[in-house]
Amino acid sequence: MSRPKSLGRSRNYTTMAYHNAPIPFAEDRARNIGCGIAPKMVYRVNIPSENDISRIPSIHPTNVETIASYNWVVSAHGDHKRILVPGYPPCWNPQSEKTPIEKDGGFRFIDQNNYFSPTAPHTPTLRAVSTCRPDVNLNAINFITDRSNLVKLYKLISGYVPQAYFGPDSCKQEPELRIDVEVIGSSLLLSRWEPRSSQVLDDSQYQGFSDNFANMFTRYPDTAAGLGTDARSQGHHRVLAYVLGGHRFMVRYQADACAETVEELKNMCGGDKSASGLEGSMSSNGQRYADIPVRKTPNQIHPHSSIIGIKCISSRKAIDLGRSLPQAFFSQTRQLFVGPHLSGKIKRIQKFDLAAPLADWERENESSVKKMVFMLEKIRKVVNGIKGKRAAVIFDWEKRGDGVRIYARNDVDVGIPRDLVERWGY
């Protein structure tokens, strides 16, 4: 495994037209999967057997609650970043049938949290939870994770075989994947790791329609939260808490949209109570931290029941709900809006209630999810015994029989800020 390569922002700035707002961002450089880790494996965790999971209780999520949300916000020049807490989702913004959509191109995010907070991707999660729910006892949370990590581990265990995909490089399923992990108190924190957190698509690469479909069919009512014309939301992230398999999970995910109209969402966000713009957002409602400035908004956390997933697919393909269900399960998203397109022209939007399909999926995948919980328990125990309690979990689609490999991390990342670590009682 090769040594880490330097990680930084390239000087190739490009303009991203995101939600009709051109904002310049720099594409980050690709990382090697071995960067920042020791060369010798510490431990291997095998995929559990049926006997191993006999003691794991029900995997039906209970006590489901959205405990925090936030929006990443940047200035029109891309040089001032904030999180708004609580945040607000983009609303569904339907267009007329056969609306033409341009092919995706230019800058695209792969992982916003890693892009904006590369040394400690869970810092915005914890800042949002501390702002929305300071009463939450983090030591009582067993696993704090991005949704994508649970999906990846589930797929490894369930025997998922990546399909051939001719999309952007960032969307291809690389055979080897990594999740960064850390133990603080009684909690195992799992951070999403990708070779890069952004990408610029040029004309020589495949260009789908998913990004521009989202840009056209959803809309942020930014003025409702006091943002002027100099600032735009870049993503709405939610933190969901639930009990699964006898453990308390705190799961972060980026929500695609909500089912409300623009006007309905504006009313939920406080109407026009504030109109300060980004530069004025650090007022009495704001907190300055060395890592990420936080602006507390007058918003309530948007109801979980109205969050929707959205997808854009070729009308030549049958809609396969099964491919969306693992992601929907771990975020408990109950609605999916699908936009079939023919050469970029959207046909009738199809809306799906996922309650029944999710119930069937849960029954059929009980064993795999229990095995995932067992592996998380084992990983937490191993990492707790590593000096520094920080590690990387690496696994290979093509060698799933090998389970996951754990390597100690030796990077020099600053990590989670001290004031947040103190919330565990340290």
Protein backbone atom coordinates (compact mmCIF):
# COMPACT_ATOMS: atom_id res chain seq x y z
CA MET A 1 0.00 0.00 0.00
CA SER A 2 1.56 3.26 -1.07
CA ARG A 3 2.23 6.19 1.21
CA PRO A 4 -0.18 9.12 1.37
CA LYS A 5 -0.06 11.80 -1.24
CA SER A 6 -0.39 15.46 -0.32
CA LEU A 7 -3.98 16.58 -0.11
CA GLY A 8 -4.93 20.13 -0.98
CA ARG A 9 -7.07 22.32 -3.15
CA SER A 10 -6.01 22.69 -6.72
CA ARG A 11 -5.87 26.11 -8.33
CA ASN A 12 -8.27 25.07 -11.03
CA TYR A 13 -11.33 27.04 -9.99
CA THR A 14 -14.47 26.40 -11.93
CA THR A 15 -18.00 27.68 -11.74
CA MET A 16 -20.78 25.45 -10.53
CA ALA A 17 -24.32 26.44 -11.41
CA TYR A 18 -25.99 24.98 -8.35
CA HIS A 19 -29.66 25.81 -7.80
CA ASN A 20 -29.33 28.57 -10.39
CA ALA A 21 -26.46 30.23 -8.53
CA PRO A 22 -23.00 30.18 -10.15
CA ILE A 23 -20.42 29.84 -7.35
CA PRO A 24 -16.70 29.23 -7.88
CA PHE A 25 -15.14 26.25 -6.13
CA ALA A 26 -11.78 24.55 -6.40
CA GLU A 27 -11.63 20.89 -7.31
CA ASP A 28 -9.71 18.96 -4.67
CA ARG A 29 -7.01 16.45 -5.47
CA ALA A 30 -7.45 12.71 -5.41
CA ARG A 31 -6.19 10.74 -2.41
CA ASN A 32 -4.69 7.29 -2.33
CA ILE A 33 -6.62 4.80 -0.23
CA GLY A 34 -3.51 4.20 1.87
CA CYS A 35 -2.90 7.82 2.79
CA GLY A 36 -2.50 8.58 6.47
CA ILE A 37 -2.48 5.00 7.71
CA ALA A 38 0.18 2.66 9.08
CA PRO A 39 1.41 0.01 6.61
CA LYS A 40 0.68 -2.96 8.87
CA MET A 41 -2.85 -4.26 9.42
CA VAL A 42 -3.93 -4.26 13.06
CA TYR A 43 -6.86 -6.65 12.86
CA ARG A 44 -9.23 -8.37 10.46
CA VAL A 45 -12.95 -8.57 11.21
CA ASN A 46 -14.62 -11.38 9.32
CA ILE A 47 -18.21 -11.32 8.15
CA PRO A 48 -20.22 -12.89 11.01
CA SER A 49 -21.99 -16.22 10.86
CA GLU A 50 -25.64 -16.84 11.67
CA ASN A 51 -24.57 -18.14 15.10
CA ASP A 52 -22.70 -14.90 15.81
CA ILE A 53 -25.83 -12.81 15.39
CA SER A 54 -28.24 -14.95 17.39
CA ARG A 55 -28.17 -12.47 20.30
CA ILE A 56 -28.74 -9.35 18.14
CA PRO A 57 -32.30 -8.06 18.73
CA SER A 58 -34.69 -6.57 16.20
CA ILE A 59 -33.33 -4.42 13.41
CA HIS A 60 -36.60 -2.53 13.06
CA PRO A 61 -35.66 1.10 13.81
CA THR A 62 -37.42 2.48 16.89
CA ASN A 63 -37.40 5.86 18.66
CA VAL A 64 -36.77 7.48 15.28
CA GLU A 65 -36.18 11.22 15.64
CA THR A 66 -34.46 13.95 13.65
CA ILE A 67 -32.36 15.69 16.30
CA ALA A 68 -30.54 18.27 14.16
CA SER A 69 -30.13 19.66 10.67
CA TYR A 70 -27.90 22.17 8.96
CA ASN A 71 -27.20 23.78 5.60
CA TRP A 72 -23.77 24.52 4.20
CA VAL A 73 -23.84 28.10 2.96
CA VAL A 74 -21.15 29.94 1.02
CA SER A 75 -20.83 33.44 -0.37
CA ALA A 76 -21.16 34.16 -4.06
CA HIS A 77 -17.37 34.14 -4.30
CA GLY A 78 -17.08 30.82 -2.49
CA ASP A 79 -14.82 32.29 0.20
CA HIS A 80 -17.11 32.50 3.26
CA LYS A 81 -18.61 29.28 4.54
CA ARG A 82 -21.12 28.81 7.34
CA ILE A 83 -23.58 26.27 8.56
CA LEU A 84 -27.13 27.37 9.27
CA VAL A 85 -28.65 25.45 12.19
CA PRO A 86 -31.36 24.22 12.02
CA GLY A 87 -31.24 24.06 8.25
CA TYR A 88 -34.01 23.80 5.69
CA PRO A 89 -34.37 21.46 2.70
CA PRO A 90 -34.90 22.48 -0.90
CA CYS A 91 -38.54 22.17 -1.84
CA TRP A 92 -39.96 20.19 -4.71
CA ASN A 93 -40.27 22.51 -7.69
CA PRO A 94 -42.17 20.63 -10.43
CA GLN A 95 -41.73 21.60 -14.07
CA SER A 96 -43.88 20.98 -17.11
CA GLU A 97 -43.70 17.59 -18.80
CA LYS A 98 -40.93 17.03 -21.34
CA THR A 99 -38.90 19.80 -19.75
CA PRO A 100 -35.43 19.64 -21.33
CA ILE A 101 -32.51 19.27 -18.95
CA GLU A 102 -28.90 19.94 -19.84
CA LYS A 103 -26.31 17.26 -19.31
CA ASP A 104 -24.35 17.48 -16.10
CA GLY A 105 -21.01 19.21 -16.36
CA GLY A 106 -18.51 21.34 -14.51
CA PHE A 107 -18.01 21.17 -10.76
CA ARG A 108 -19.89 18.63 -8.65
CA PHE A 109 -19.69 17.69 -4.99
CA ILE A 110 -19.12 14.08 -4.03
CA ASP A 111 -18.98 14.64 -0.27
CA GLN A 112 -19.75 18.18 0.90
CA ASN A 113 -18.80 17.59 4.53
CA ASN A 114 -15.36 16.30 3.63
CA TYR A 115 -14.90 19.12 1.14
CA PHE A 116 -15.76 21.91 3.58
CA SER A 117 -14.39 20.23 6.75
CA PRO A 118 -11.65 17.86 5.53
CA THR A 119 -9.77 17.40 8.83
CA ALA A 120 -12.88 16.48 10.82
CA PRO A 121 -15.93 15.72 8.64
CA HIS A 122 -18.21 15.13 11.65
CA THR A 123 -17.58 18.58 13.14
CA PRO A 124 -20.69 20.08 11.47
CA THR A 125 -22.75 17.12 12.72
CA LEU A 126 -21.70 17.73 16.30
CA ARG A 127 -22.01 21.51 16.04
CA ALA A 128 -25.58 21.08 14.77
CA VAL A 129 -26.50 18.61 17.50
CA SER A 130 -24.96 20.86 20.17
CA THR A 131 -27.03 23.77 18.85
CA CYS A 132 -30.34 21.97 18.32
CA ARG A 133 -30.19 19.46 21.16
CA PRO A 134 -27.62 20.33 23.83
CA ASP A 135 -29.39 17.82 26.09
CA VAL A 136 -28.31 14.82 23.99
CA ASN A 137 -25.91 12.56 25.89
CA LEU A 138 -23.34 11.59 23.28
CA ASN A 139 -21.96 8.82 25.49
CA ALA A 140 -25.33 7.12 25.11
CA ILE A 141 -24.91 7.02 21.31
CA ASN A 142 -23.13 3.84 20.22
CA PHE A 143 -22.54 4.70 16.56
CA ILE A 144 -22.29 8.12 14.88
CA THR A 145 -22.01 7.72 11.14
CA ASP A 146 -22.78 8.89 7.64
CA ARG A 147 -25.55 6.94 5.97
CA SER A 148 -23.23 5.94 3.13
CA ASN A 149 -21.02 3.95 5.53
CA LEU A 150 -23.93 1.78 6.61
CA VAL A 151 -24.97 1.23 3.00
CA LYS A 152 -21.43 0.17 2.04
CA LEU A 153 -21.08 -2.27 4.94
CA TYR A 154 -24.53 -3.70 4.28
CA LYS A 155 -23.68 -4.25 0.62
CA LEU A 156 -20.40 -5.95 1.51
CA ILE A 157 -22.19 -8.36 3.84
CA SER A 158 -25.22 -9.02 1.64
CA GLY A 159 -23.16 -10.09 -1.37
CA TYR A 160 -23.90 -7.02 -3.45
CA VAL A 161 -22.18 -7.11 -6.82
CA PRO A 162 -21.45 -3.65 -8.29
CA GLN A 163 -22.96 -3.28 -11.74
CA ALA A 164 -20.94 -1.99 -14.65
CA TYR A 165 -21.33 1.76 -14.72
CA PHE A 166 -20.19 4.21 -17.34
CA GLY A 167 -20.80 7.39 -15.39
CA PRO A 168 -18.40 9.88 -13.82
CA ASP A 169 -15.35 8.37 -12.16
CA SER A 170 -16.58 9.40 -8.72
CA CYS A 171 -19.73 7.31 -9.16
CA LYS A 172 -17.98 4.09 -10.11
CA GLN A 173 -17.78 1.45 -7.42
CA GLU A 174 -14.07 1.02 -6.82
CA PRO A 175 -13.24 -2.53 -5.71
CA GLU A 176 -11.56 -1.27 -2.53
CA LEU A 177 -13.33 1.09 -0.14
CA ARG A 178 -12.42 2.85 3.11
CA ILE A 179 -14.20 4.23 6.16
CA ASP A 180 -12.35 6.31 8.75
CA VAL A 181 -13.27 5.49 12.35
CA GLU A 182 -12.60 6.94 15.79
CA VAL A 183 -13.68 6.06 19.33
CA ILE A 184 -14.62 8.88 21.69
CA GLY A 185 -16.05 7.80 25.03
CA SER A 186 -18.52 5.01 24.33
CA SER A 187 -19.14 6.09 20.73
CA LEU A 188 -17.68 4.84 17.47
CA LEU A 189 -17.61 7.64 14.89
CA LEU A 190 -17.53 6.51 11.26
CA SER A 191 -16.61 9.12 8.64
CA ARG A 192 -17.20 8.76 4.94
CA TRP A 193 -13.99 8.46 2.92
CA GLU A 194 -13.82 8.94 -0.83
CA PRO A 195 -10.76 9.28 -3.10
CA ARG A 196 -11.90 12.86 -3.68
CA SER A 197 -14.73 15.01 -2.36
CA SER A 198 -15.38 16.91 -5.60
CA GLN A 199 -14.94 16.56 -9.32
CA VAL A 200 -15.02 18.64 -12.48
CA LEU A 201 -16.66 16.93 -15.44
CA ASP A 202 -15.45 17.94 -18.87
CA ASP A 203 -16.81 17.14 -22.32
CA SER A 204 -14.66 14.02 -22.62
CA GLN A 205 -16.41 12.35 -19.68
CA TYR A 206 -19.82 10.79 -19.43
CA GLN A 207 -22.44 13.35 -18.47
CA GLY A 208 -25.70 12.20 -16.99
CA PHE A 209 -28.64 14.36 -15.96
CA SER A 210 -29.03 13.74 -12.21
CA ASP A 211 -27.35 16.91 -10.93
CA ASN A 212 -29.21 19.25 -13.26
CA PHE A 213 -32.45 17.37 -12.63
CA ALA A 214 -32.06 18.18 -8.93
CA ASN A 215 -31.13 21.78 -9.70
CA MET A 216 -34.20 22.29 -11.85
CA PHE A 217 -36.77 20.30 -9.88
CA THR A 218 -35.85 21.55 -6.41
CA ARG A 219 -35.42 25.05 -5.06
CA TYR A 220 -33.99 26.55 -1.88
CA PRO A 221 -36.00 29.48 -0.45
CA ASP A 222 -32.81 31.00 0.93
CA THR A 223 -34.32 34.42 1.64
CA ALA A 224 -36.54 32.79 4.26
CA ALA A 225 -33.48 32.22 6.44
CA GLY A 226 -32.10 35.71 5.98
CA LEU A 227 -29.71 35.03 3.12
CA GLY A 228 -29.26 37.84 0.64
CA THR A 229 -28.29 37.57 -3.00
CA ASP A 230 -24.64 37.11 -1.99
CA ALA A 231 -25.12 33.64 -0.50
CA ARG A 232 -26.54 30.26 -1.41
CA SER A 233 -27.26 26.98 0.35
CA GLN A 234 -25.16 24.13 -0.98
CA GLY A 235 -26.77 21.17 0.75
CA HIS A 236 -29.24 20.24 3.48
CA HIS A 237 -27.92 17.68 5.96
CA ARG A 238 -29.96 15.94 8.64
CA VAL A 239 -29.04 13.95 11.74
CA LEU A 240 -31.40 11.08 12.49
CA ALA A 241 -31.33 9.14 15.77
CA TYR A 242 -32.82 5.68 16.25
CA VAL A 243 -32.35 2.36 18.01
CA LEU A 244 -31.43 -0.56 15.75
CA GLY A 245 -30.20 -4.00 16.76
CA GLY A 246 -30.01 -2.97 20.42
CA HIS A 247 -27.78 0.05 19.74
CA ARG A 248 -28.39 3.77 19.48
CA PHE A 249 -27.39 5.22 16.11
CA MET A 250 -26.94 8.82 15.03
CA VAL A 251 -26.99 8.89 11.22
CA ARG A 252 -26.16 11.90 9.07
CA TYR A 253 -27.40 12.12 5.49
CA GLN A 254 -27.95 14.74 2.81
CA ALA A 255 -31.65 15.13 2.08
CA ASP A 256 -32.65 15.60 -1.54
CA ALA A 257 -35.76 17.71 -0.96
CA CYS A 258 -39.07 18.01 0.85
CA ALA A 259 -42.57 17.73 -0.54
CA GLU A 260 -43.65 21.26 0.46
CA THR A 261 -44.04 24.18 -1.91
CA VAL A 262 -41.74 27.19 -1.76
CA GLU A 263 -44.32 29.31 0.06
CA GLU A 264 -45.09 26.57 2.58
CA LEU A 265 -41.42 26.12 3.30
CA LYS A 266 -40.88 29.87 3.68
CA ASN A 267 -43.58 29.97 6.33
CA MET A 268 -41.96 27.08 8.20
CA CYS A 269 -38.60 28.89 8.04
CA GLY A 270 -39.95 32.01 9.71
CA GLY A 271 -41.08 34.00 6.68
CA ASP A 272 -39.17 37.26 6.33
CA LYS A 273 -38.27 37.63 10.03
CA SER A 274 -34.63 38.10 9.17
CA ALA A 275 -33.01 39.47 6.04
CA SER A 276 -29.43 40.02 7.03
CA GLY A 277 -27.54 38.28 4.25
CA LEU A 278 -24.47 36.10 4.74
CA GLU A 279 -22.09 38.86 5.76
CA GLY A 280 -24.44 39.89 8.53
CA SER A 281 -25.27 36.39 9.62
CA MET A 282 -22.84 36.33 12.55
CA SER A 283 -25.12 38.42 14.71
CA SER A 284 -26.49 37.70 18.16
CA ASN A 285 -27.85 34.45 16.75
CA GLY A 286 -24.40 33.32 15.59
CA GLN A 287 -21.44 31.55 17.19
CA ARG A 288 -17.87 31.91 16.00
CA TYR A 289 -15.71 28.82 16.25
CA ALA A 290 -12.20 28.34 14.95
CA ASP A 291 -13.43 25.50 12.73
CA ILE A 292 -16.90 26.35 11.34
CA PRO A 293 -18.98 29.48 12.00
CA VAL A 294 -22.50 28.55 13.08
CA ARG A 295 -25.55 30.69 12.58
CA LYS A 296 -28.61 29.72 14.61
CA THR A 297 -31.74 30.28 12.55
CA PRO A 298 -35.34 30.79 13.70
CA ASN A 299 -36.27 27.59 11.87
CA GLN A 300 -37.78 24.48 13.36
CA ILE A 301 -36.30 21.17 12.27
CA HIS A 302 -38.23 20.27 9.17
CA PRO A 303 -40.61 17.28 9.66
CA HIS A 304 -38.99 14.00 8.76
CA SER A 305 -42.21 12.71 7.21
CA SER A 306 -42.03 15.18 4.30
CA ILE A 307 -38.43 14.42 3.26
CA ILE A 308 -38.22 12.85 -0.19
CA GLY A 309 -35.58 11.13 -2.23
CA ILE A 310 -35.30 12.05 -5.91
CA LYS A 311 -33.79 10.18 -8.83
CA CYS A 312 -33.42 10.77 -12.55
CA ILE A 313 -33.13 7.69 -14.75
CA SER A 314 -33.37 6.80 -18.41
CA SER A 315 -36.93 6.04 -19.48
CA ARG A 316 -35.49 3.08 -21.37
CA LYS A 317 -34.81 1.37 -18.04
CA ALA A 318 -37.35 -0.11 -15.67
CA ILE A 319 -37.59 1.62 -12.30
CA ASP A 320 -35.91 -0.65 -9.77
CA LEU A 321 -36.97 0.44 -6.29
CA GLY A 322 -34.81 -2.25 -4.77
CA ARG A 323 -31.65 -0.32 -5.57
CA SER A 324 -32.90 2.66 -3.56
CA LEU A 325 -34.14 0.76 -0.51
CA PRO A 326 -30.86 0.28 1.45
CA GLN A 327 -30.26 4.02 1.39
CA ALA A 328 -33.91 4.75 2.22
CA PHE A 329 -33.85 2.25 5.10
CA PHE A 330 -30.87 3.76 6.91
CA SER A 331 -32.34 7.27 6.67
CA GLN A 332 -35.95 6.05 7.02
CA THR A 333 -36.97 8.05 3.95
CA ARG A 334 -40.51 7.06 3.00
CA GLN A 335 -41.03 8.89 -0.30
CA LEU A 336 -39.22 8.65 -3.63
CA PHE A 337 -39.84 10.84 -6.68
CA VAL A 338 -38.43 9.47 -9.94
CA GLY A 339 -38.00 11.48 -13.13
CA PRO A 340 -37.67 9.22 -16.19
CA HIS A 341 -36.02 11.05 -19.07
CA LEU A 342 -35.49 10.45 -22.77
CA SER A 343 -32.33 12.19 -23.93
CA GLY A 344 -32.75 14.75 -21.17
CA LYS A 345 -36.47 15.37 -21.63
CA ILE A 346 -38.34 14.51 -18.45
CA LYS A 347 -41.53 12.52 -18.76
CA ARG A 348 -44.19 12.25 -16.06
CA ILE A 349 -42.73 12.25 -12.54
CA GLN A 350 -43.53 9.03 -10.70
CA LYS A 351 -44.02 9.21 -6.94
CA PHE A 352 -43.58 6.17 -4.70
CA ASP A 353 -44.61 5.53 -1.11
CA LEU A 354 -41.81 3.34 0.24
CA ALA A 355 -43.50 2.20 3.47
CA ALA A 356 -44.53 -1.24 2.19
CA PRO A 357 -41.35 -1.89 0.12
CA LEU A 358 -39.22 -0.93 3.14
CA ALA A 359 -41.13 -3.30 5.40
CA ASP A 360 -40.53 -6.14 2.92
CA TRP A 361 -36.85 -5.17 2.55
CA GLU A 362 -36.40 -5.16 6.32
CA ARG A 363 -37.77 -8.70 6.66
CA GLU A 364 -35.70 -10.02 3.76
CA ASN A 365 -32.47 -8.39 4.95
CA GLU A 366 -32.71 -8.93 8.69
CA SER A 367 -29.73 -11.27 8.76
CA SER A 368 -27.46 -8.94 6.76
CA VAL A 369 -28.30 -5.91 8.90
CA LYS A 370 -27.72 -7.89 12.11
CA LYS A 371 -24.33 -8.94 10.75
CA MET A 372 -23.54 -5.31 10.06
CA VAL A 373 -24.38 -4.44 13.68
CA PHE A 374 -22.17 -7.29 14.92
CA MET A 375 -19.26 -6.04 12.79
CA LEU A 376 -19.70 -2.51 14.11
CA GLU A 377 -19.51 -3.84 17.67
CA LYS A 378 -16.30 -5.68 16.83
CA ILE A 379 -14.76 -2.70 15.04
CA ARG A 380 -15.49 -0.45 18.03
CA LYS A 381 -13.81 -2.92 20.38
CA VAL A 382 -10.69 -3.18 18.19
CA VAL A 383 -10.35 0.57 17.61
CA ASN A 384 -10.80 1.27 21.32
CA GLY A 385 -7.60 -0.70 21.90
CA ILE A 386 -5.52 1.17 19.30
CA LYS A 387 -3.28 3.99 20.49
CA GLY A 388 -5.03 7.24 19.67
CA LYS A 389 -8.27 5.31 19.03
CA ARG A 390 -8.30 6.29 15.35
CA ALA A 391 -8.23 3.84 12.45
CA ALA A 392 -9.21 3.16 8.86
CA VAL A 393 -11.47 0.27 7.89
CA ILE A 394 -10.72 -1.05 4.40
CA PHE A 395 -12.58 -3.71 2.45
CA ASP A 396 -12.74 -5.06 -1.07
CA TRP A 397 -15.85 -5.94 -3.10
CA GLU A 398 -13.88 -8.62 -4.91
CA LYS A 399 -12.58 -10.21 -1.69
CA ARG A 400 -15.63 -10.02 0.53
CA GLY A 401 -14.64 -13.30 2.16
CA ASP A 402 -11.77 -11.40 3.78
CA GLY A 403 -14.17 -9.19 5.75
CA VAL A 404 -12.73 -5.80 6.69
CA ARG A 405 -9.16 -4.85 7.55
CA ILE A 406 -8.35 -2.33 10.26
CA TYR A 407 -5.27 -0.08 10.07
CA ALA A 408 -4.13 2.48 12.64
CA ARG A 409 -4.22 6.04 11.36
CA ASN A 410 -1.05 8.13 11.56
CA ASP A 411 -2.29 11.26 9.78
CA VAL A 412 -1.84 14.68 11.33
CA ASP A 413 -5.42 15.89 10.95
CA VAL A 414 -6.50 18.22 13.72
CA GLY A 415 -9.57 16.11 14.39
CA ILE A 416 -12.76 17.01 16.22
CA PRO A 417 -12.42 20.29 18.17
CA ARG A 418 -11.73 20.01 21.88
CA ASP A 419 -14.94 21.71 23.01
CA LEU A 420 -16.97 19.07 21.15
CA VAL A 421 -14.92 16.18 22.54
CA GLU A 422 -15.68 17.54 26.02
CA ARG A 423 -19.33 16.74 25.41
CA TRP A 424 -18.39 13.11 26.04
CA GLY A 425 -17.17 14.12 29.50
CA TYR A 426 -13.46 14.34 28.65
